[in-house]
């Protein structure tokens, strides 16, 4: 388990629902996808790199609504600026993985609390 945090730390996270509108391979990257994600009018569209290629196909990701951390500092991965992080669950030991999907009635851009 990671170290305990206080509620003030939790409140710093901005977790929003986004819809994956495009999934692309990244040249030379065995584990990374380049995701184009729509978050609605307030945030717009962002590019997010995700190391999930070994677990899920491009076709299974496109059109999915899932949770993303949107206020993570941008980071360059393989020359692409990643502007957030996808939320997923899994076990490396058992090779199990799942993105955290939400139902269709939850609007993109909605906050997670």
PDB file of N, CA and C in Angstrom:
ATOM      1  N   UNK A   1       0.836  -1.176   0.000  1.00  0.00           N
ATOM      2  CA  UNK A   1       0.000   0.000   0.000  1.00  0.00           C
ATOM      3  C   UNK A   1       0.885   1.244   0.000  1.00  0.00           C
ATOM      4  N   UNK A   2       0.434   2.251  -0.699  1.00  0.00           N
ATOM      5  CA  UNK A   2       1.173   3.513  -0.734  1.00  0.00           C
ATOM      6  C   UNK A   2       0.931   4.291   0.553  1.00  0.00           C
ATOM      7  N   UNK A   3       1.783   5.316   0.820  1.00  0.00           N
ATOM      8  CA  UNK A   3       1.612   6.093   2.045  1.00  0.00           C
ATOM      9  C   UNK A   3       0.239   6.775   2.099  1.00  0.00           C
ATOM     10  N   UNK A   4      -0.264   6.903   3.307  1.00  0.00           N
ATOM     11  CA  UNK A   4      -1.536   7.581   3.540  1.00  0.00           C
ATOM     12  C   UNK A   4      -1.427   9.040   3.134  1.00  0.00           C
ATOM     13  N   UNK A   5      -2.498   9.561   2.552  1.00  0.00           N
ATOM     14  CA  UNK A   5      -2.566  10.985   2.216  1.00  0.00           C
ATOM     15  C   UNK A   5      -3.732  11.594   2.970  1.00  0.00           C
ATOM     16  N   UNK A   6      -3.727  12.914   3.066  1.00  0.00           N
ATOM     17  CA  UNK A   6      -4.863  13.560   3.713  1.00  0.00           C
ATOM     18  C   UNK A   6      -5.871  14.019   2.661  1.00  0.00           C
ATOM     19  N   UNK A   7      -7.020  14.451   3.098  1.00  0.00           N
ATOM     20  CA  UNK A   7      -8.093  14.840   2.196  1.00  0.00           C
ATOM     21  C   UNK A   7      -7.683  16.006   1.294  1.00  0.00           C
ATOM     22  N   UNK A   8      -6.857  16.902   1.799  1.00  0.00           N
ATOM     23  CA  UNK A   8      -6.382  18.033   0.986  1.00  0.00           C
ATOM     24  C   UNK A   8      -5.620  17.546  -0.241  1.00  0.00           C
ATOM     25  N   UNK A   9      -4.852  16.457  -0.096  1.00  0.00           N
ATOM     26  CA  UNK A   9      -4.140  15.893  -1.245  1.00  0.00           C
ATOM     27  C   UNK A   9      -5.132  15.327  -2.267  1.00  0.00           C
ATOM     28  N   UNK A  10      -6.141  14.609  -1.795  1.00  0.00           N
ATOM     29  CA  UNK A  10      -7.170  14.042  -2.681  1.00  0.00           C
ATOM     30  C   UNK A  10      -7.871  15.156  -3.466  1.00  0.00           C
ATOM     31  N   UNK A  11      -8.166  16.262  -2.797  1.00  0.00           N
ATOM     32  CA  UNK A  11      -8.880  17.364  -3.446  1.00  0.00           C
ATOM     33  C   UNK A  11      -8.068  18.010  -4.573  1.00  0.00           C
ATOM     34  N   UNK A  12      -6.773  17.825  -4.576  1.00  0.00           N
ATOM     35  CA  UNK A  12      -5.934  18.399  -5.636  1.00  0.00           C
ATOM     36  C   UNK A  12      -6.121  17.690  -6.971  1.00  0.00           C
ATOM     37  N   UNK A  13      -6.576  16.437  -6.941  1.00  0.00           N
ATOM     38  CA  UNK A  13      -6.769  15.676  -8.183  1.00  0.00           C
ATOM     39  C   UNK A  13      -8.016  16.147  -8.914  1.00  0.00           C
ATOM     40  N   UNK A  14      -7.874  16.377 -10.213  1.00  0.00           N
ATOM     41  CA  UNK A  14      -9.017  16.701 -11.062  1.00  0.00           C
ATOM     42  C   UNK A  14      -9.244  15.499 -11.977  1.00  0.00           C
ATOM     43  N   UNK A  15     -10.191  14.652 -11.598  1.00  0.00           N
ATOM     44  CA  UNK A  15     -10.498  13.442 -12.349  1.00  0.00           C
ATOM     45  C   UNK A  15     -11.789  13.692 -13.108  1.00  0.00           C
ATOM     46  N   UNK A  16     -11.720  13.539 -14.422  1.00  0.00           N
ATOM     47  CA  UNK A  16     -12.870  13.817 -15.284  1.00  0.00           C
ATOM     48  C   UNK A  16     -13.151  12.642 -16.202  1.00  0.00           C
ATOM     49  N   UNK A  17     -14.387  12.601 -16.672  1.00  0.00           N
ATOM     50  CA  UNK A  17     -14.791  11.599 -17.640  1.00  0.00           C
ATOM     51  C   UNK A  17     -14.501  12.129 -19.038  1.00  0.00           C
ATOM     52  N   UNK A  18     -13.796  11.324 -19.818  1.00  0.00           N
ATOM     53  CA  UNK A  18     -13.485  11.678 -21.196  1.00  0.00           C
ATOM     54  C   UNK A  18     -13.880  10.548 -22.131  1.00  0.00           C
ATOM     55  N   UNK A  19     -14.089  10.900 -23.376  1.00  0.00           N
ATOM     56  CA  UNK A  19     -14.413   9.902 -24.402  1.00  0.00           C
ATOM     57  C   UNK A  19     -13.227   9.781 -25.348  1.00  0.00           C
ATOM     58  N   UNK A  20     -12.729   8.562 -25.509  1.00  0.00           N
ATOM     59  CA  UNK A  20     -11.598   8.315 -26.396  1.00  0.00           C
ATOM     60  C   UNK A  20     -12.108   8.349 -27.831  1.00  0.00           C
ATOM     61  N   UNK A  21     -11.667   9.351 -28.587  1.00  0.00           N
ATOM     62  CA  UNK A  21     -12.168   9.516 -29.949  1.00  0.00           C
ATOM     63  C   UNK A  21     -11.216   8.966 -31.009  1.00  0.00           C
ATOM     64  N   UNK A  22      -9.939   8.791 -30.634  1.00  0.00           N
ATOM     65  CA  UNK A  22      -8.966   8.267 -31.591  1.00  0.00           C
ATOM     66  C   UNK A  22      -7.841   7.578 -30.834  1.00  0.00           C
ATOM     67  N   UNK A  23      -7.388   6.447 -31.374  1.00  0.00           N
ATOM     68  CA  UNK A  23      -6.274   5.701 -30.778  1.00  0.00           C
ATOM     69  C   UNK A  23      -5.247   5.446 -31.870  1.00  0.00           C
ATOM     70  N   UNK A  24      -3.990   5.820 -31.602  1.00  0.00           N
ATOM     71  CA  UNK A  24      -2.934   5.655 -32.596  1.00  0.00           C
ATOM     72  C   UNK A  24      -1.734   4.944 -31.974  1.00  0.00           C
ATOM     73  N   UNK A  25      -1.049   4.171 -32.804  1.00  0.00           N
ATOM     74  CA  UNK A  25       0.231   3.606 -32.408  1.00  0.00           C
ATOM     75  C   UNK A  25       1.263   4.723 -32.384  1.00  0.00           C
ATOM     76  N   UNK A  26       2.276   4.561 -31.564  1.00  0.00           N
ATOM     77  CA  UNK A  26       3.395   5.495 -31.520  1.00  0.00           C
ATOM     78  C   UNK A  26       4.607   4.755 -32.059  1.00  0.00           C
ATOM     79  N   UNK A  27       5.235   5.329 -33.067  1.00  0.00           N
ATOM     80  CA  UNK A  27       6.378   4.679 -33.705  1.00  0.00           C
ATOM     81  C   UNK A  27       7.455   4.338 -32.689  1.00  0.00           C
ATOM     82  N   UNK A  28       7.871   3.078 -32.694  1.00  0.00           N
ATOM     83  CA  UNK A  28       8.935   2.615 -31.821  1.00  0.00           C
ATOM     84  C   UNK A  28       8.508   2.306 -30.391  1.00  0.00           C
ATOM     85  N   UNK A  29       7.219   2.443 -30.090  1.00  0.00           N
ATOM     86  CA  UNK A  29       6.733   2.190 -28.732  1.00  0.00           C
ATOM     87  C   UNK A  29       5.921   0.896 -28.694  1.00  0.00           C
ATOM     88  N   UNK A  30       6.419  -0.071 -27.926  1.00  0.00           N
ATOM     89  CA  UNK A  30       5.740  -1.359 -27.826  1.00  0.00           C
ATOM     90  C   UNK A  30       4.539  -1.339 -26.888  1.00  0.00           C
ATOM     91  N   UNK A  31       4.530  -0.424 -25.923  1.00  0.00           N
ATOM     92  CA  UNK A  31       3.487  -0.427 -24.900  1.00  0.00           C
ATOM     93  C   UNK A  31       2.552   0.773 -24.959  1.00  0.00           C
ATOM     94  N   UNK A  32       2.946   1.821 -25.689  1.00  0.00           N
ATOM     95  CA  UNK A  32       2.185   3.072 -25.651  1.00  0.00           C
ATOM     96  C   UNK A  32       1.211   3.244 -26.805  1.00  0.00           C
ATOM     97  N   UNK A  33       0.041   3.791 -26.471  1.00  0.00           N
ATOM     98  CA  UNK A  33      -0.898   4.325 -27.454  1.00  0.00           C
ATOM     99  C   UNK A  33      -0.941   5.835 -27.288  1.00  0.00           C
ATOM    100  N   UNK A  34      -1.238   6.524 -28.363  1.00  0.00           N
ATOM    101  CA  UNK A  34      -1.547   7.947 -28.322  1.00  0.00           C
ATOM    102  C   UNK A  34      -3.068   8.056 -28.403  1.00  0.00           C
ATOM    103  N   UNK A  35      -3.682   8.540 -27.325  1.00  0.00           N
ATOM    104  CA  UNK A  35      -5.128   8.682 -27.263  1.00  0.00           C
ATOM    105  C   UNK A  35      -5.516  10.136 -27.478  1.00  0.00           C
ATOM    106  N   UNK A  36      -6.511  10.363 -28.311  1.00  0.00           N
ATOM    107  CA  UNK A  36      -7.126  11.672 -28.423  1.00  0.00           C
ATOM    108  C   UNK A  36      -8.438  11.570 -27.667  1.00  0.00           C
ATOM    109  N   UNK A  37      -8.596  12.431 -26.648  1.00  0.00           N
ATOM    110  CA  UNK A  37      -9.712  12.303 -25.718  1.00  0.00           C
ATOM    111  C   UNK A  37     -10.498  13.610 -25.658  1.00  0.00           C
ATOM    112  N   UNK A  38     -11.814  13.499 -25.781  1.00  0.00           N
ATOM    113  CA  UNK A  38     -12.694  14.664 -25.673  1.00  0.00           C
ATOM    114  C   UNK A  38     -13.246  14.756 -24.263  1.00  0.00           C
ATOM    115  N   UNK A  39     -13.136  15.973 -23.683  1.00  0.00           N
ATOM    116  CA  UNK A  39     -13.651  16.231 -22.344  1.00  0.00           C
ATOM    117  C   UNK A  39     -14.766  17.265 -22.344  1.00  0.00           C
ATOM    118  N   UNK A  40     -15.291  17.619 -23.500  1.00  0.00           N
ATOM    119  CA  UNK A  40     -16.358  18.612 -23.554  1.00  0.00           C
ATOM    120  C   UNK A  40     -15.818  20.023 -23.635  1.00  0.00           C
ATOM    121  N   UNK A  41     -16.732  20.986 -23.512  1.00  0.00           N
ATOM    122  CA  UNK A  41     -16.402  22.399 -23.738  1.00  0.00           C
ATOM    123  C   UNK A  41     -15.396  22.983 -22.749  1.00  0.00           C
ATOM    124  N   UNK A  42     -15.496  22.644 -21.473  1.00  0.00           N
ATOM    125  CA  UNK A  42     -14.634  23.272 -20.467  1.00  0.00           C
ATOM    126  C   UNK A  42     -13.154  22.948 -20.663  1.00  0.00           C
ATOM    127  N   UNK A  43     -12.844  21.700 -20.968  1.00  0.00           N
ATOM    128  CA  UNK A  43     -11.452  21.264 -21.095  1.00  0.00           C
ATOM    129  C   UNK A  43     -11.051  21.083 -22.554  1.00  0.00           C
ATOM    130  N   UNK A  44     -11.985  20.677 -23.384  1.00  0.00           N
ATOM    131  CA  UNK A  44     -11.687  20.457 -24.803  1.00  0.00           C
ATOM    132  C   UNK A  44     -11.124  19.072 -25.058  1.00  0.00           C
ATOM    133  N   UNK A  45     -10.282  18.982 -26.079  1.00  0.00           N
ATOM    134  CA  UNK A  45      -9.676  17.712 -26.487  1.00  0.00           C
ATOM    135  C   UNK A  45      -8.213  17.704 -26.071  1.00  0.00           C
ATOM    136  N   UNK A  46      -7.763  16.558 -25.594  1.00  0.00           N
ATOM    137  CA  UNK A  46      -6.372  16.417 -25.163  1.00  0.00           C
ATOM    138  C   UNK A  46      -5.754  15.154 -25.742  1.00  0.00           C
ATOM    139  N   UNK A  47      -4.430  15.174 -25.809  1.00  0.00           N
ATOM    140  CA  UNK A  47      -3.660  13.992 -26.186  1.00  0.00           C
ATOM    141  C   UNK A  47      -3.106  13.391 -24.902  1.00  0.00           C
ATOM    142  N   UNK A  48      -3.339  12.089 -24.747  1.00  0.00           N
ATOM    143  CA  UNK A  48      -2.853  11.380 -23.560  1.00  0.00           C
ATOM    144  C   UNK A  48      -2.187  10.094 -24.021  1.00  0.00           C
ATOM    145  N   UNK A  49      -0.944   9.895 -23.607  1.00  0.00           N
ATOM    146  CA  UNK A  49      -0.230   8.655 -23.912  1.00  0.00           C
ATOM    147  C   UNK A  49      -0.510   7.661 -22.793  1.00  0.00           C
ATOM    148  N   UNK A  50      -0.780   6.424 -23.182  1.00  0.00           N
ATOM    149  CA  UNK A  50      -1.127   5.408 -22.189  1.00  0.00           C
ATOM    150  C   UNK A  50      -0.384   4.114 -22.483  1.00  0.00           C
ATOM    151  N   UNK A  51       0.273   3.567 -21.495  1.00  0.00           N
ATOM    152  CA  UNK A  51       1.037   2.326 -21.630  1.00  0.00           C
ATOM    153  C   UNK A  51       0.161   1.097 -21.443  1.00  0.00           C
ATOM    154  N   UNK A  52      -0.831   0.958 -22.306  1.00  0.00           N
ATOM    155  CA  UNK A  52      -1.817  -0.115 -22.151  1.00  0.00           C
ATOM    156  C   UNK A  52      -1.936  -1.000 -23.394  1.00  0.00           C
ATOM    157  N   UNK A  53      -1.029  -0.835 -24.317  1.00  0.00           N
ATOM    158  CA  UNK A  53      -1.099  -1.539 -25.606  1.00  0.00           C
ATOM    159  C   UNK A  53      -1.111  -3.054 -25.466  1.00  0.00           C
ATOM    160  N   UNK A  54      -0.398  -3.584 -24.493  1.00  0.00           N
ATOM    161  CA  UNK A  54      -0.325  -5.036 -24.331  1.00  0.00           C
ATOM    162  C   UNK A  54      -1.612  -5.623 -23.761  1.00  0.00           C
ATOM    163  N   UNK A  55      -2.510  -4.775 -23.270  1.00  0.00           N
ATOM    164  CA  UNK A  55      -3.725  -5.252 -22.617  1.00  0.00           C
ATOM    165  C   UNK A  55      -5.011  -5.068 -23.416  1.00  0.00           C
ATOM    166  N   UNK A  56      -5.048  -4.070 -24.289  1.00  0.00           N
ATOM    167  CA  UNK A  56      -6.306  -3.739 -24.961  1.00  0.00           C
ATOM    168  C   UNK A  56      -6.032  -3.261 -26.382  1.00  0.00           C
ATOM    169  N   UNK A  57      -6.907  -3.625 -27.308  1.00  0.00           N
ATOM    170  CA  UNK A  57      -6.722  -3.245 -28.710  1.00  0.00           C
ATOM    171  C   UNK A  57      -7.237  -1.832 -28.961  1.00  0.00           C
ATOM    172  N   UNK A  58      -6.757  -1.245 -30.040  1.00  0.00           N
ATOM    173  CA  UNK A  58      -7.218   0.090 -30.428  1.00  0.00           C
ATOM    174  C   UNK A  58      -8.730   0.102 -30.623  1.00  0.00           C
ATOM    175  N   UNK A  59      -9.236  -0.941 -31.266  1.00  0.00           N
ATOM    176  CA  UNK A  59     -10.667  -1.020 -31.569  1.00  0.00           C
ATOM    177  C   UNK A  59     -11.518  -1.071 -30.296  1.00  0.00           C
ATOM    178  N   UNK A  60     -10.994  -1.732 -29.263  1.00  0.00           N
ATOM    179  CA  UNK A  60     -11.734  -1.821 -28.006  1.00  0.00           C
ATOM    180  C   UNK A  60     -11.708  -0.517 -27.212  1.00  0.00           C
ATOM    181  N   UNK A  61     -10.748   0.351 -27.491  1.00  0.00           N
ATOM    182  CA  UNK A  61     -10.646   1.624 -26.772  1.00  0.00           C
ATOM    183  C   UNK A  61     -11.477   2.741 -27.408  1.00  0.00           C
ATOM    184  N   UNK A  62     -11.513   2.785 -28.727  1.00  0.00           N
ATOM    185  CA  UNK A  62     -12.196   3.892 -29.403  1.00  0.00           C
ATOM    186  C   UNK A  62     -13.664   3.938 -29.022  1.00  0.00           C
ATOM    187  N   UNK A  63     -14.102   5.140 -28.641  1.00  0.00           N
ATOM    188  CA  UNK A  63     -15.490   5.349 -28.267  1.00  0.00           C
ATOM    189  C   UNK A  63     -15.798   5.118 -26.801  1.00  0.00           C
ATOM    190  N   UNK A  64     -14.830   4.627 -26.025  1.00  0.00           N
ATOM    191  CA  UNK A  64     -15.055   4.342 -24.603  1.00  0.00           C
ATOM    192  C   UNK A  64     -15.040   5.627 -23.780  1.00  0.00           C
ATOM    193  N   UNK A  65     -15.892   5.664 -22.766  1.00  0.00           N
ATOM    194  CA  UNK A  65     -15.880   6.734 -21.772  1.00  0.00           C
ATOM    195  C   UNK A  65     -15.210   6.179 -20.531  1.00  0.00           C
ATOM    196  N   UNK A  66     -14.216   6.905 -20.052  1.00  0.00           N
ATOM    197  CA  UNK A  66     -13.484   6.459 -18.875  1.00  0.00           C
ATOM    198  C   UNK A  66     -12.974   7.658 -18.086  1.00  0.00           C
ATOM    199  N   UNK A  67     -12.396   7.392 -16.935  1.00  0.00           N
ATOM    200  CA  UNK A  67     -11.887   8.445 -16.061  1.00  0.00           C
ATOM    201  C   UNK A  67     -10.420   8.741 -16.378  1.00  0.00           C
ATOM    202  N   UNK A  68     -10.079  10.024 -16.318  1.00  0.00           N
ATOM    203  CA  UNK A  68      -8.717  10.502 -16.564  1.00  0.00           C
ATOM    204  C   UNK A  68      -8.348  11.538 -15.511  1.00  0.00           C
ATOM    205  N   UNK A  69      -7.081  11.557 -15.104  1.00  0.00           N
ATOM    206  CA  UNK A  69      -6.567  12.669 -14.304  1.00  0.00           C
ATOM    207  C   UNK A  69      -6.164  13.744 -15.306  1.00  0.00           C
ATOM    208  N   UNK A  70      -6.788  14.921 -15.200  1.00  0.00           N
ATOM    209  CA  UNK A  70      -6.545  15.961 -16.208  1.00  0.00           C
ATOM    210  C   UNK A  70      -5.646  17.093 -15.720  1.00  0.00           C
ATOM    211  N   UNK A  71      -5.303  17.106 -14.434  1.00  0.00           N
ATOM    212  CA  UNK A  71      -4.418  18.173 -13.955  1.00  0.00           C
ATOM    213  C   UNK A  71      -3.028  17.671 -13.591  1.00  0.00           C
ATOM    214  N   UNK A  72      -2.654  16.530 -14.146  1.00  0.00           N
ATOM    215  CA  UNK A  72      -1.300  16.020 -13.996  1.00  0.00           C
ATOM    216  C   UNK A  72      -0.376  16.864 -14.876  1.00  0.00           C
ATOM    217  N   UNK A  73       0.786  17.220 -14.386  1.00  0.00           N
ATOM    218  CA  UNK A  73       1.718  18.013 -15.192  1.00  0.00           C
ATOM    219  C   UNK A  73       2.031  17.283 -16.496  1.00  0.00           C
ATOM    220  N   UNK A  74       2.020  18.002 -17.635  1.00  0.00           N
ATOM    221  CA  UNK A  74       2.326  17.359 -18.919  1.00  0.00           C
ATOM    222  C   UNK A  74       3.706  16.712 -18.901  1.00  0.00           C
ATOM    223  N   UNK A  75       3.822  15.611 -19.660  1.00  0.00           N
ATOM    224  CA  UNK A  75       5.079  14.871 -19.714  1.00  0.00           C
ATOM    225  C   UNK A  75       5.291  14.379 -21.140  1.00  0.00           C
ATOM    226  N   UNK A  76       6.514  14.534 -21.648  1.00  0.00           N
ATOM    227  CA  UNK A  76       6.828  14.053 -22.997  1.00  0.00           C
ATOM    228  C   UNK A  76       7.166  12.575 -22.966  1.00  0.00           C
ATOM    229  N   UNK A  77       6.468  11.819 -23.801  1.00  0.00           N
ATOM    230  CA  UNK A  77       6.721  10.393 -23.972  1.00  0.00           C
ATOM    231  C   UNK A  77       6.910  10.139 -25.460  1.00  0.00           C
ATOM    232  N   UNK A  78       8.077   9.635 -25.821  1.00  0.00           N
ATOM    233  CA  UNK A  78       8.392   9.382 -27.242  1.00  0.00           C
ATOM    234  C   UNK A  78       8.146  10.626 -28.107  1.00  0.00           C
ATOM    235  N   UNK A  79       8.448  11.794 -27.546  1.00  0.00           N
ATOM    236  CA  UNK A  79       8.319  13.038 -28.287  1.00  0.00           C
ATOM    237  C   UNK A  79       6.918  13.616 -28.329  1.00  0.00           C
ATOM    238  N   UNK A  80       5.961  12.974 -27.663  1.00  0.00           N
ATOM    239  CA  UNK A  80       4.571  13.443 -27.643  1.00  0.00           C
ATOM    240  C   UNK A  80       4.252  13.947 -26.245  1.00  0.00           C
ATOM    241  N   UNK A  81       3.671  15.144 -26.151  1.00  0.00           N
ATOM    242  CA  UNK A  81       3.291  15.676 -24.852  1.00  0.00           C
ATOM    243  C   UNK A  81       1.986  15.029 -24.400  1.00  0.00           C
ATOM    244  N   UNK A  82       2.063  14.285 -23.307  1.00  0.00           N
ATOM    245  CA  UNK A  82       0.891  13.645 -22.721  1.00  0.00           C
ATOM    246  C   UNK A  82       0.291  14.598 -21.698  1.00  0.00           C
ATOM    247  N   UNK A  83      -1.016  14.855 -21.829  1.00  0.00           N
ATOM    248  CA  UNK A  83      -1.687  15.869 -21.022  1.00  0.00           C
ATOM    249  C   UNK A  83      -2.673  15.268 -20.030  1.00  0.00           C
ATOM    250  N   UNK A  84      -2.313  14.155 -19.421  1.00  0.00           N
ATOM    251  CA  UNK A  84      -3.184  13.524 -18.437  1.00  0.00           C
ATOM    252  C   UNK A  84      -2.840  12.061 -18.290  1.00  0.00           C
ATOM    253  N   UNK A  85      -3.701  11.339 -17.557  1.00  0.00           N
ATOM    254  CA  UNK A  85      -3.472   9.917 -17.327  1.00  0.00           C
ATOM    255  C   UNK A  85      -4.808   9.189 -17.270  1.00  0.00           C
ATOM    256  N   UNK A  86      -4.880   8.061 -17.978  1.00  0.00           N
ATOM    257  CA  UNK A  86      -6.078   7.229 -17.946  1.00  0.00           C
ATOM    258  C   UNK A  86      -6.120   6.465 -16.624  1.00  0.00           C
ATOM    259  N   UNK A  87      -7.318   6.238 -16.114  1.00  0.00           N
ATOM    260  CA  UNK A  87      -7.506   5.470 -14.887  1.00  0.00           C
ATOM    261  C   UNK A  87      -7.833   4.029 -15.274  1.00  0.00           C
ATOM    262  N   UNK A  88      -7.115   3.098 -14.682  1.00  0.00           N
ATOM    263  CA  UNK A  88      -7.300   1.686 -14.987  1.00  0.00           C
ATOM    264  C   UNK A  88      -6.995   0.867 -13.738  1.00  0.00           C
ATOM    265  N   UNK A  89      -7.396  -0.388 -13.789  1.00  0.00           N
ATOM    266  CA  UNK A  89      -7.116  -1.313 -12.692  1.00  0.00           C
ATOM    267  C   UNK A  89      -6.512  -2.576 -13.276  1.00  0.00           C
ATOM    268  N   UNK A  90      -5.660  -3.209 -12.506  1.00  0.00           N
ATOM    269  CA  UNK A  90      -5.086  -4.440 -13.011  1.00  0.00           C
ATOM    270  C   UNK A  90      -4.081  -5.054 -12.075  1.00  0.00           C
ATOM    271  N   UNK A  91      -3.616  -6.218 -12.479  1.00  0.00           N
ATOM    272  CA  UNK A  91      -2.622  -6.970 -11.737  1.00  0.00           C
ATOM    273  C   UNK A  91      -1.571  -7.449 -12.720  1.00  0.00           C
ATOM    274  N   UNK A  92      -0.358  -6.924 -12.621  1.00  0.00           N
ATOM    275  CA  UNK A  92       0.720  -7.343 -13.511  1.00  0.00           C
ATOM    276  C   UNK A  92       1.055  -8.812 -13.321  1.00  0.00           C
ATOM    277  N   UNK A  93       0.985  -9.282 -12.088  1.00  0.00           N
ATOM    278  CA  UNK A  93       1.313 -10.676 -11.803  1.00  0.00           C
ATOM    279  C   UNK A  93       0.367 -11.645 -12.504  1.00  0.00           C
ATOM    280  N   UNK A  94      -0.905 -11.287 -12.585  1.00  0.00           N
ATOM    281  CA  UNK A  94      -1.902 -12.164 -13.188  1.00  0.00           C
ATOM    282  C   UNK A  94      -2.273 -11.743 -14.602  1.00  0.00           C
ATOM    283  N   UNK A  95      -1.619 -10.692 -15.116  1.00  0.00           N
ATOM    284  CA  UNK A  95      -1.875 -10.164 -16.457  1.00  0.00           C
ATOM    285  C   UNK A  95      -3.356  -9.840 -16.668  1.00  0.00           C
ATOM    286  N   UNK A  96      -3.962  -9.205 -15.656  1.00  0.00           N
ATOM    287  CA  UNK A  96      -5.359  -8.772 -15.749  1.00  0.00           C
ATOM    288  C   UNK A  96      -5.376  -7.261 -15.825  1.00  0.00           C
ATOM    289  N   UNK A  97      -6.307  -6.724 -16.614  1.00  0.00           N
ATOM    290  CA  UNK A  97      -6.350  -5.284 -16.843  1.00  0.00           C
ATOM    291  C   UNK A  97      -7.762  -4.857 -17.234  1.00  0.00           C
ATOM    292  N   UNK A  98      -8.160  -3.677 -16.778  1.00  0.00           N
ATOM    293  CA  UNK A  98      -9.438  -3.106 -17.196  1.00  0.00           C
ATOM    294  C   UNK A  98      -9.364  -1.590 -17.056  1.00  0.00           C
ATOM    295  N   UNK A  99      -9.797  -0.864 -18.102  1.00  0.00           N
ATOM    296  CA  UNK A  99      -9.970   0.569 -17.932  1.00  0.00           C
ATOM    297  C   UNK A  99     -11.245   0.760 -17.120  1.00  0.00           C
ATOM    298  N   UNK A 100     -11.347   1.881 -16.436  1.00  0.00           N
ATOM    299  CA  UNK A 100     -12.511   2.151 -15.599  1.00  0.00           C
ATOM    300  C   UNK A 100     -13.573   2.841 -16.446  1.00  0.00           C
ATOM    301  N   UNK A 101     -14.483   2.067 -16.995  1.00  0.00           N
ATOM    302  CA  UNK A 101     -15.524   2.605 -17.864  1.00  0.00           C
ATOM    303  C   UNK A 101     -16.699   3.134 -17.052  1.00  0.00           C
ATOM    304  N   UNK A 102     -17.428   4.085 -17.656  1.00  0.00           N
ATOM    305  CA  UNK A 102     -18.650   4.610 -17.046  1.00  0.00           C
ATOM    306  C   UNK A 102     -19.805   4.415 -18.023  1.00  0.00           C
ATOM    307  N   UNK A 103     -21.010   4.506 -17.519  1.00  0.00           N
ATOM    308  CA  UNK A 103     -22.181   4.307 -18.362  1.00  0.00           C
ATOM    309  C   UNK A 103     -22.361   5.475 -19.329  1.00  0.00           C
ATOM    310  N   UNK A 104     -23.101   5.220 -20.381  1.00  0.00           N
ATOM    311  CA  UNK A 104     -23.313   6.224 -21.428  1.00  0.00           C
ATOM    312  C   UNK A 104     -24.047   7.470 -20.927  1.00  0.00           C
ATOM    313  N   UNK A 105     -24.820   7.344 -19.851  1.00  0.00           N
ATOM    314  CA  UNK A 105     -25.579   8.516 -19.382  1.00  0.00           C
ATOM    315  C   UNK A 105     -24.727   9.529 -18.617  1.00  0.00           C
ATOM    316  N   UNK A 106     -23.474   9.200 -18.315  1.00  0.00           N
ATOM    317  CA  UNK A 106     -22.563  10.158 -17.680  1.00  0.00           C
ATOM    318  C   UNK A 106     -21.940  11.020 -18.773  1.00  0.00           C
ATOM    319  N   UNK A 107     -22.101  12.336 -18.660  1.00  0.00           N
ATOM    320  CA  UNK A 107     -21.601  13.245 -19.689  1.00  0.00           C
ATOM    321  C   UNK A 107     -20.092  13.399 -19.617  1.00  0.00           C
ATOM    322  N   UNK A 108     -19.469  13.564 -20.813  1.00  0.00           N
ATOM    323  CA  UNK A 108     -18.040  13.830 -20.824  1.00  0.00           C
ATOM    324  C   UNK A 108     -17.771  15.159 -20.131  1.00  0.00           C
ATOM    325  N   UNK A 109     -16.646  15.227 -19.458  1.00  0.00           N
ATOM    326  CA  UNK A 109     -16.297  16.412 -18.692  1.00  0.00           C
ATOM    327  C   UNK A 109     -16.761  16.351 -17.251  1.00  0.00           C
ATOM    328  N   UNK A 110     -17.643  15.399 -16.920  1.00  0.00           N
ATOM    329  CA  UNK A 110     -18.128  15.262 -15.547  1.00  0.00           C
ATOM    330  C   UNK A 110     -16.976  14.955 -14.614  1.00  0.00           C
ATOM    331  N   UNK A 111     -17.035  15.497 -13.406  1.00  0.00           N
ATOM    332  CA  UNK A 111     -16.005  15.248 -12.414  1.00  0.00           C
ATOM    333  C   UNK A 111     -16.256  13.953 -11.650  1.00  0.00           C
ATOM    334  N   UNK A 112     -15.181  13.377 -11.150  1.00  0.00           N
ATOM    335  CA  UNK A 112     -15.260  12.170 -10.333  1.00  0.00           C
ATOM    336  C   UNK A 112     -14.910  12.575  -8.904  1.00  0.00           C
ATOM    337  N   UNK A 113     -15.742  12.157  -7.968  1.00  0.00           N
ATOM    338  CA  UNK A 113     -15.476  12.495  -6.565  1.00  0.00           C
ATOM    339  C   UNK A 113     -15.735  11.298  -5.689  1.00  0.00           C
TER     340      UNK A 113
END
